[in-house]
Amino acid sequence: MTLADITHAPTGFSLATPFRAIGRFLVRIAESSDLMRQVEKLNRTSDEELAARGVTRSDMVREIFSSRYYL
């Protein structure tokens, strides 16, 4: 019986390496944007705190993204 180890990626350069690097770079840009910081702050806010302000979570998401997208 032969066993194959498929849990480790081959070392060295592959054609996918530059694309992975570009993907990681784009994710870092998106995560550092002001919109994502506002969403993270919203995620830390409880539903009770939002209700005390008289807004819902979906209202806040709409408000955050309405500056860039038509919602």
PDB file of N, CA and C in Angstrom:
ATOM      1  N   MET A   1       0.850  -1.178   0.000  1.00  0.00           N
ATOM      2  CA  MET A   1       0.000   0.000   0.000  1.00  0.00           C
ATOM      3  C   MET A   1       0.897   1.243   0.000  1.00  0.00           C
ATOM      4  N   THR A   2       0.526   2.225  -0.802  1.00  0.00           N
ATOM      5  CA  THR A   2       1.284   3.466  -0.906  1.00  0.00           C
ATOM      6  C   THR A   2       0.504   4.596  -0.274  1.00  0.00           C
ATOM      7  N   LEU A   3       1.187   5.410   0.505  1.00  0.00           N
ATOM      8  CA  LEU A   3       0.574   6.568   1.128  1.00  0.00           C
ATOM      9  C   LEU A   3       1.151   7.826   0.510  1.00  0.00           C
ATOM     10  N   ALA A   4       0.304   8.802   0.327  1.00  0.00           N
ATOM     11  CA  ALA A   4       0.762  10.078  -0.226  1.00  0.00           C
ATOM     12  C   ALA A   4       0.485  11.177   0.787  1.00  0.00           C
ATOM     13  N   ASP A   5       1.446  12.035   0.977  1.00  0.00           N
ATOM     14  CA  ASP A   5       1.289  13.179   1.878  1.00  0.00           C
ATOM     15  C   ASP A   5       0.840  14.372   1.047  1.00  0.00           C
ATOM     16  N   ILE A   6      -0.436  14.722   1.168  1.00  0.00           N
ATOM     17  CA  ILE A   6      -0.976  15.843   0.378  1.00  0.00           C
ATOM     18  C   ILE A   6      -1.244  17.062   1.242  1.00  0.00           C
ATOM     19  N   THR A   7      -0.751  17.034   2.481  1.00  0.00           N
ATOM     20  CA  THR A   7      -1.017  18.148   3.391  1.00  0.00           C
ATOM     21  C   THR A   7       0.000  19.266   3.262  1.00  0.00           C
ATOM     22  N   HIS A   8       1.121  19.019   2.639  1.00  0.00           N
ATOM     23  CA  HIS A   8       2.156  20.035   2.520  1.00  0.00           C
ATOM     24  C   HIS A   8       2.303  20.458   1.066  1.00  0.00           C
ATOM     25  N   ALA A   9       2.340  21.752   0.867  1.00  0.00           N
ATOM     26  CA  ALA A   9       2.555  22.271  -0.482  1.00  0.00           C
ATOM     27  C   ALA A   9       4.014  22.067  -0.865  1.00  0.00           C
ATOM     28  N   PRO A  10       4.257  21.845  -2.126  1.00  0.00           N
ATOM     29  CA  PRO A  10       5.650  21.680  -2.537  1.00  0.00           C
ATOM     30  C   PRO A  10       6.424  22.972  -2.314  1.00  0.00           C
ATOM     31  N   THR A  11       7.660  22.825  -1.930  1.00  0.00           N
ATOM     32  CA  THR A  11       8.483  24.003  -1.702  1.00  0.00           C
ATOM     33  C   THR A  11       9.045  24.493  -3.021  1.00  0.00           C
ATOM     34  N   GLY A  12       9.457  25.737  -3.035  1.00  0.00           N
ATOM     35  CA  GLY A  12      10.005  26.297  -4.249  1.00  0.00           C
ATOM     36  C   GLY A  12       8.986  27.169  -4.957  1.00  0.00           C
ATOM     37  N   PHE A  13       9.273  27.467  -6.175  1.00  0.00           N
ATOM     38  CA  PHE A  13       8.445  28.379  -6.958  1.00  0.00           C
ATOM     39  C   PHE A  13       7.447  27.595  -7.795  1.00  0.00           C
ATOM     40  N   SER A  14       6.232  28.082  -7.825  1.00  0.00           N
ATOM     41  CA  SER A  14       5.230  27.533  -8.731  1.00  0.00           C
ATOM     42  C   SER A  14       4.546  28.700  -9.430  1.00  0.00           C
ATOM     43  N   LEU A  15       3.784  28.416 -10.433  1.00  0.00           N
ATOM     44  CA  LEU A  15       3.085  29.479 -11.159  1.00  0.00           C
ATOM     45  C   LEU A  15       2.054  30.190 -10.288  1.00  0.00           C
ATOM     46  N   ALA A  16       1.576  29.530  -9.246  1.00  0.00           N
ATOM     47  CA  ALA A  16       0.561  30.127  -8.372  1.00  0.00           C
ATOM     48  C   ALA A  16       1.167  31.096  -7.358  1.00  0.00           C
ATOM     49  N   THR A  17       2.455  31.043  -7.126  1.00  0.00           N
ATOM     50  CA  THR A  17       3.094  31.868  -6.098  1.00  0.00           C
ATOM     51  C   THR A  17       2.843  33.360  -6.272  1.00  0.00           C
ATOM     52  N   PRO A  18       3.047  33.937  -7.460  1.00  0.00           N
ATOM     53  CA  PRO A  18       2.789  35.384  -7.583  1.00  0.00           C
ATOM     54  C   PRO A  18       1.323  35.734  -7.383  1.00  0.00           C
ATOM     55  N   PHE A  19       0.432  34.862  -7.822  1.00  0.00           N
ATOM     56  CA  PHE A  19      -0.997  35.131  -7.665  1.00  0.00           C
ATOM     57  C   PHE A  19      -1.410  35.078  -6.197  1.00  0.00           C
ATOM     58  N   ARG A  20      -0.825  34.165  -5.441  1.00  0.00           N
ATOM     59  CA  ARG A  20      -1.099  34.116  -4.001  1.00  0.00           C
ATOM     60  C   ARG A  20      -0.611  35.384  -3.318  1.00  0.00           C
ATOM     61  N   ALA A  21       0.565  35.851  -3.709  1.00  0.00           N
ATOM     62  CA  ALA A  21       1.121  37.071  -3.120  1.00  0.00           C
ATOM     63  C   ALA A  21       0.242  38.274  -3.444  1.00  0.00           C
ATOM     64  N   ILE A  22      -0.218  38.359  -4.673  1.00  0.00           N
ATOM     65  CA  ILE A  22      -1.110  39.457  -5.061  1.00  0.00           C
ATOM     66  C   ILE A  22      -2.419  39.366  -4.292  1.00  0.00           C
ATOM     67  N   GLY A  23      -2.951  38.176  -4.141  1.00  0.00           N
ATOM     68  CA  GLY A  23      -4.191  37.990  -3.380  1.00  0.00           C
ATOM     69  C   GLY A  23      -4.042  38.413  -1.935  1.00  0.00           C
ATOM     70  N   ARG A  24      -2.939  38.016  -1.300  1.00  0.00           N
ATOM     71  CA  ARG A  24      -2.698  38.420   0.095  1.00  0.00           C
ATOM     72  C   ARG A  24      -2.570  39.934   0.206  1.00  0.00           C
ATOM     73  N   PHE A  25      -1.907  40.551  -0.774  1.00  0.00           N
ATOM     74  CA  PHE A  25      -1.755  42.000  -0.788  1.00  0.00           C
ATOM     75  C   PHE A  25      -3.111  42.689  -0.891  1.00  0.00           C
ATOM     76  N   LEU A  26      -3.971  42.212  -1.773  1.00  0.00           N
ATOM     77  CA  LEU A  26      -5.300  42.823  -1.938  1.00  0.00           C
ATOM     78  C   LEU A  26      -6.161  42.650  -0.690  1.00  0.00           C
ATOM     79  N   VAL A  27      -6.048  41.511  -0.033  1.00  0.00           N
ATOM     80  CA  VAL A  27      -6.791  41.291   1.211  1.00  0.00           C
ATOM     81  C   VAL A  27      -6.312  42.267   2.279  1.00  0.00           C
ATOM     82  N   ARG A  28      -5.016  42.486   2.370  1.00  0.00           N
ATOM     83  CA  ARG A  28      -4.486  43.434   3.363  1.00  0.00           C
ATOM     84  C   ARG A  28      -4.972  44.850   3.091  1.00  0.00           C
ATOM     85  N   ILE A  29      -5.028  45.235   1.829  1.00  0.00           N
ATOM     86  CA  ILE A  29      -5.540  46.561   1.480  1.00  0.00           C
ATOM     87  C   ILE A  29      -7.001  46.685   1.906  1.00  0.00           C
ATOM     88  N   ALA A  30      -7.800  45.662   1.581  1.00  0.00           N
ATOM     89  CA  ALA A  30      -9.225  45.711   1.923  1.00  0.00           C
ATOM     90  C   ALA A  30      -9.429  45.749   3.433  1.00  0.00           C
ATOM     91  N   GLU A  31      -8.651  44.969   4.176  1.00  0.00           N
ATOM     92  CA  GLU A  31      -8.816  44.925   5.622  1.00  0.00           C
ATOM     93  C   GLU A  31      -8.377  46.218   6.300  1.00  0.00           C
ATOM     94  N   SER A  32      -7.509  46.973   5.671  1.00  0.00           N
ATOM     95  CA  SER A  32      -7.043  48.206   6.294  1.00  0.00           C
ATOM     96  C   SER A  32      -7.887  49.419   5.909  1.00  0.00           C
ATOM     97  N   SER A  33      -8.915  49.225   5.115  1.00  0.00           N
ATOM     98  CA  SER A  33      -9.736  50.356   4.679  1.00  0.00           C
ATOM     99  C   SER A  33     -10.614  50.868   5.822  1.00  0.00           C
ATOM    100  N   ASP A  34     -11.024  52.106   5.687  1.00  0.00           N
ATOM    101  CA  ASP A  34     -11.875  52.734   6.684  1.00  0.00           C
ATOM    102  C   ASP A  34     -13.227  52.016   6.790  1.00  0.00           C
ATOM    103  N   LEU A  35     -13.748  51.549   5.657  1.00  0.00           N
ATOM    104  CA  LEU A  35     -15.028  50.837   5.687  1.00  0.00           C
ATOM    105  C   LEU A  35     -14.940  49.584   6.552  1.00  0.00           C
ATOM    106  N   MET A  36     -13.858  48.842   6.398  1.00  0.00           N
ATOM    107  CA  MET A  36     -13.725  47.616   7.181  1.00  0.00           C
ATOM    108  C   MET A  36     -13.533  47.916   8.661  1.00  0.00           C
ATOM    109  N   ARG A  37     -12.864  49.011   8.982  1.00  0.00           N
ATOM    110  CA  ARG A  37     -12.744  49.394  10.394  1.00  0.00           C
ATOM    111  C   ARG A  37     -14.111  49.718  10.983  1.00  0.00           C
ATOM    112  N   GLN A  38     -14.953  50.377  10.207  1.00  0.00           N
ATOM    113  CA  GLN A  38     -16.306  50.688  10.679  1.00  0.00           C
ATOM    114  C   GLN A  38     -17.126  49.413  10.860  1.00  0.00           C
ATOM    115  N   VAL A  39     -16.966  48.456   9.947  1.00  0.00           N
ATOM    116  CA  VAL A  39     -17.689  47.181  10.076  1.00  0.00           C
ATOM    117  C   VAL A  39     -17.198  46.426  11.302  1.00  0.00           C
ATOM    118  N   GLU A  40     -15.896  46.420  11.553  1.00  0.00           N
ATOM    119  CA  GLU A  40     -15.360  45.761  12.749  1.00  0.00           C
ATOM    120  C   GLU A  40     -15.916  46.401  14.019  1.00  0.00           C
ATOM    121  N   LYS A  41     -16.010  47.717  14.029  1.00  0.00           N
ATOM    122  CA  LYS A  41     -16.584  48.412  15.184  1.00  0.00           C
ATOM    123  C   LYS A  41     -18.045  48.013  15.362  1.00  0.00           C
ATOM    124  N   LEU A  42     -18.776  47.919  14.250  1.00  0.00           N
ATOM    125  CA  LEU A  42     -20.176  47.485  14.313  1.00  0.00           C
ATOM    126  C   LEU A  42     -20.277  46.062  14.839  1.00  0.00           C
ATOM    127  N   ASN A  43     -19.362  45.195  14.437  1.00  0.00           N
ATOM    128  CA  ASN A  43     -19.372  43.810  14.910  1.00  0.00           C
ATOM    129  C   ASN A  43     -19.126  43.719  16.416  1.00  0.00           C
ATOM    130  N   ARG A  44     -18.378  44.657  16.959  1.00  0.00           N
ATOM    131  CA  ARG A  44     -18.126  44.658  18.413  1.00  0.00           C
ATOM    132  C   ARG A  44     -19.292  45.241  19.200  1.00  0.00           C
ATOM    133  N   THR A  45     -20.224  45.899  18.513  1.00  0.00           N
ATOM    134  CA  THR A  45     -21.370  46.515  19.175  1.00  0.00           C
ATOM    135  C   THR A  45     -22.466  45.478  19.354  1.00  0.00           C
ATOM    136  N   SER A  46     -23.031  45.419  20.541  1.00  0.00           N
ATOM    137  CA  SER A  46     -24.082  44.431  20.802  1.00  0.00           C
ATOM    138  C   SER A  46     -25.414  44.909  20.222  1.00  0.00           C
ATOM    139  N   ASP A  47     -26.321  43.974  20.042  1.00  0.00           N
ATOM    140  CA  ASP A  47     -27.657  44.298  19.547  1.00  0.00           C
ATOM    141  C   ASP A  47     -28.396  45.203  20.529  1.00  0.00           C
ATOM    142  N   GLU A  48     -28.131  45.021  21.806  1.00  0.00           N
ATOM    143  CA  GLU A  48     -28.780  45.861  22.814  1.00  0.00           C
ATOM    144  C   GLU A  48     -28.318  47.310  22.697  1.00  0.00           C
ATOM    145  N   GLU A  49     -27.029  47.517  22.456  1.00  0.00           N
ATOM    146  CA  GLU A  49     -26.516  48.883  22.290  1.00  0.00           C
ATOM    147  C   GLU A  49     -27.117  49.538  21.046  1.00  0.00           C
ATOM    148  N   LEU A  50     -27.239  48.770  19.977  1.00  0.00           N
ATOM    149  CA  LEU A  50     -27.843  49.311  18.760  1.00  0.00           C
ATOM    150  C   LEU A  50     -29.312  49.653  18.987  1.00  0.00           C
ATOM    151  N   ALA A  51     -30.019  48.791  19.720  1.00  0.00           N
ATOM    152  CA  ALA A  51     -31.430  49.053  20.011  1.00  0.00           C
ATOM    153  C   ALA A  51     -31.582  50.303  20.870  1.00  0.00           C
ATOM    154  N   ALA A  52     -30.639  50.525  21.778  1.00  0.00           N
ATOM    155  CA  ALA A  52     -30.692  51.730  22.619  1.00  0.00           C
ATOM    156  C   ALA A  52     -30.526  52.987  21.771  1.00  0.00           C
ATOM    157  N   ARG A  53     -29.775  52.875  20.682  1.00  0.00           N
ATOM    158  CA  ARG A  53     -29.622  54.001  19.758  1.00  0.00           C
ATOM    159  C   ARG A  53     -30.790  54.130  18.792  1.00  0.00           C
ATOM    160  N   GLY A  54     -31.610  53.092  18.740  1.00  0.00           N
ATOM    161  CA  GLY A  54     -32.769  53.123  17.852  1.00  0.00           C
ATOM    162  C   GLY A  54     -32.465  52.712  16.421  1.00  0.00           C
ATOM    163  N   VAL A  55     -31.403  51.930  16.224  1.00  0.00           N
ATOM    164  CA  VAL A  55     -31.045  51.462  14.881  1.00  0.00           C
ATOM    165  C   VAL A  55     -30.863  49.949  14.900  1.00  0.00           C
ATOM    166  N   THR A  56     -30.940  49.368  13.727  1.00  0.00           N
ATOM    167  CA  THR A  56     -30.678  47.932  13.603  1.00  0.00           C
ATOM    168  C   THR A  56     -29.325  47.740  12.945  1.00  0.00           C
ATOM    169  N   ARG A  57     -28.820  46.532  13.025  1.00  0.00           N
ATOM    170  CA  ARG A  57     -27.528  46.213  12.427  1.00  0.00           C
ATOM    171  C   ARG A  57     -27.566  46.411  10.909  1.00  0.00           C
ATOM    172  N   SER A  58     -28.651  46.014  10.278  1.00  0.00           N
ATOM    173  CA  SER A  58     -28.749  46.191   8.821  1.00  0.00           C
ATOM    174  C   SER A  58     -28.795  47.670   8.438  1.00  0.00           C
ATOM    175  N   ASP A  59     -29.423  48.504   9.285  1.00  0.00           N
ATOM    176  CA  ASP A  59     -29.418  49.947   9.023  1.00  0.00           C
ATOM    177  C   ASP A  59     -27.988  50.499   9.055  1.00  0.00           C
ATOM    178  N   MET A  60     -27.218  50.036  10.015  1.00  0.00           N
ATOM    179  CA  MET A  60     -25.851  50.526  10.152  1.00  0.00           C
ATOM    180  C   MET A  60     -24.975  50.061   8.987  1.00  0.00           C
ATOM    181  N   VAL A  61     -25.158  48.824   8.546  1.00  0.00           N
ATOM    182  CA  VAL A  61     -24.399  48.333   7.398  1.00  0.00           C
ATOM    183  C   VAL A  61     -24.731  49.162   6.165  1.00  0.00           C
ATOM    184  N   ARG A  62     -26.003  49.438   5.986  1.00  0.00           N
ATOM    185  CA  ARG A  62     -26.432  50.254   4.851  1.00  0.00           C
ATOM    186  C   ARG A  62     -25.806  51.646   4.927  1.00  0.00           C
ATOM    187  N   GLU A  63     -25.761  52.221   6.118  1.00  0.00           N
ATOM    188  CA  GLU A  63     -25.178  53.546   6.294  1.00  0.00           C
ATOM    189  C   GLU A  63     -23.670  53.545   6.015  1.00  0.00           C
ATOM    190  N   ILE A  64     -22.986  52.500   6.471  1.00  0.00           N
ATOM    191  CA  ILE A  64     -21.540  52.407   6.274  1.00  0.00           C
ATOM    192  C   ILE A  64     -21.198  52.316   4.792  1.00  0.00           C
ATOM    193  N   PHE A  65     -21.902  51.461   4.067  1.00  0.00           N
ATOM    194  CA  PHE A  65     -21.550  51.219   2.671  1.00  0.00           C
ATOM    195  C   PHE A  65     -22.240  52.148   1.687  1.00  0.00           C
ATOM    196  N   SER A  66     -23.175  52.981   2.141  1.00  0.00           N
ATOM    197  CA  SER A  66     -23.893  53.848   1.208  1.00  0.00           C
ATOM    198  C   SER A  66     -23.006  54.937   0.621  1.00  0.00           C
ATOM    199  N   SER A  67     -21.901  55.241   1.285  1.00  0.00           N
ATOM    200  CA  SER A  67     -20.988  56.249   0.738  1.00  0.00           C
ATOM    201  C   SER A  67     -20.281  55.765  -0.525  1.00  0.00           C
ATOM    202  N   ARG A  68     -20.146  54.451  -0.663  1.00  0.00           N
ATOM    203  CA  ARG A  68     -19.453  53.900  -1.828  1.00  0.00           C
ATOM    204  C   ARG A  68     -20.383  53.171  -2.790  1.00  0.00           C
ATOM    205  N   TYR A  69     -21.440  52.583  -2.268  1.00  0.00           N
ATOM    206  CA  TYR A  69     -22.311  51.766  -3.082  1.00  0.00           C
ATOM    207  C   TYR A  69     -23.757  52.245  -2.943  1.00  0.00           C
ATOM    208  N   TYR A  70     -24.528  52.057  -4.000  1.00  0.00           N
ATOM    209  CA  TYR A  70     -25.939  52.417  -3.952  1.00  0.00           C
ATOM    210  C   TYR A  70     -26.683  51.235  -3.348  1.00  0.00           C
ATOM    211  N   LEU A  71     -27.206  51.427  -2.148  1.00  0.00           N
ATOM    212  CA  LEU A  71     -27.951  50.370  -1.460  1.00  0.00           C
ATOM    213  C   LEU A  71     -29.354  50.806  -1.180  1.00  0.00           C
TER     214      LEU A  71
END
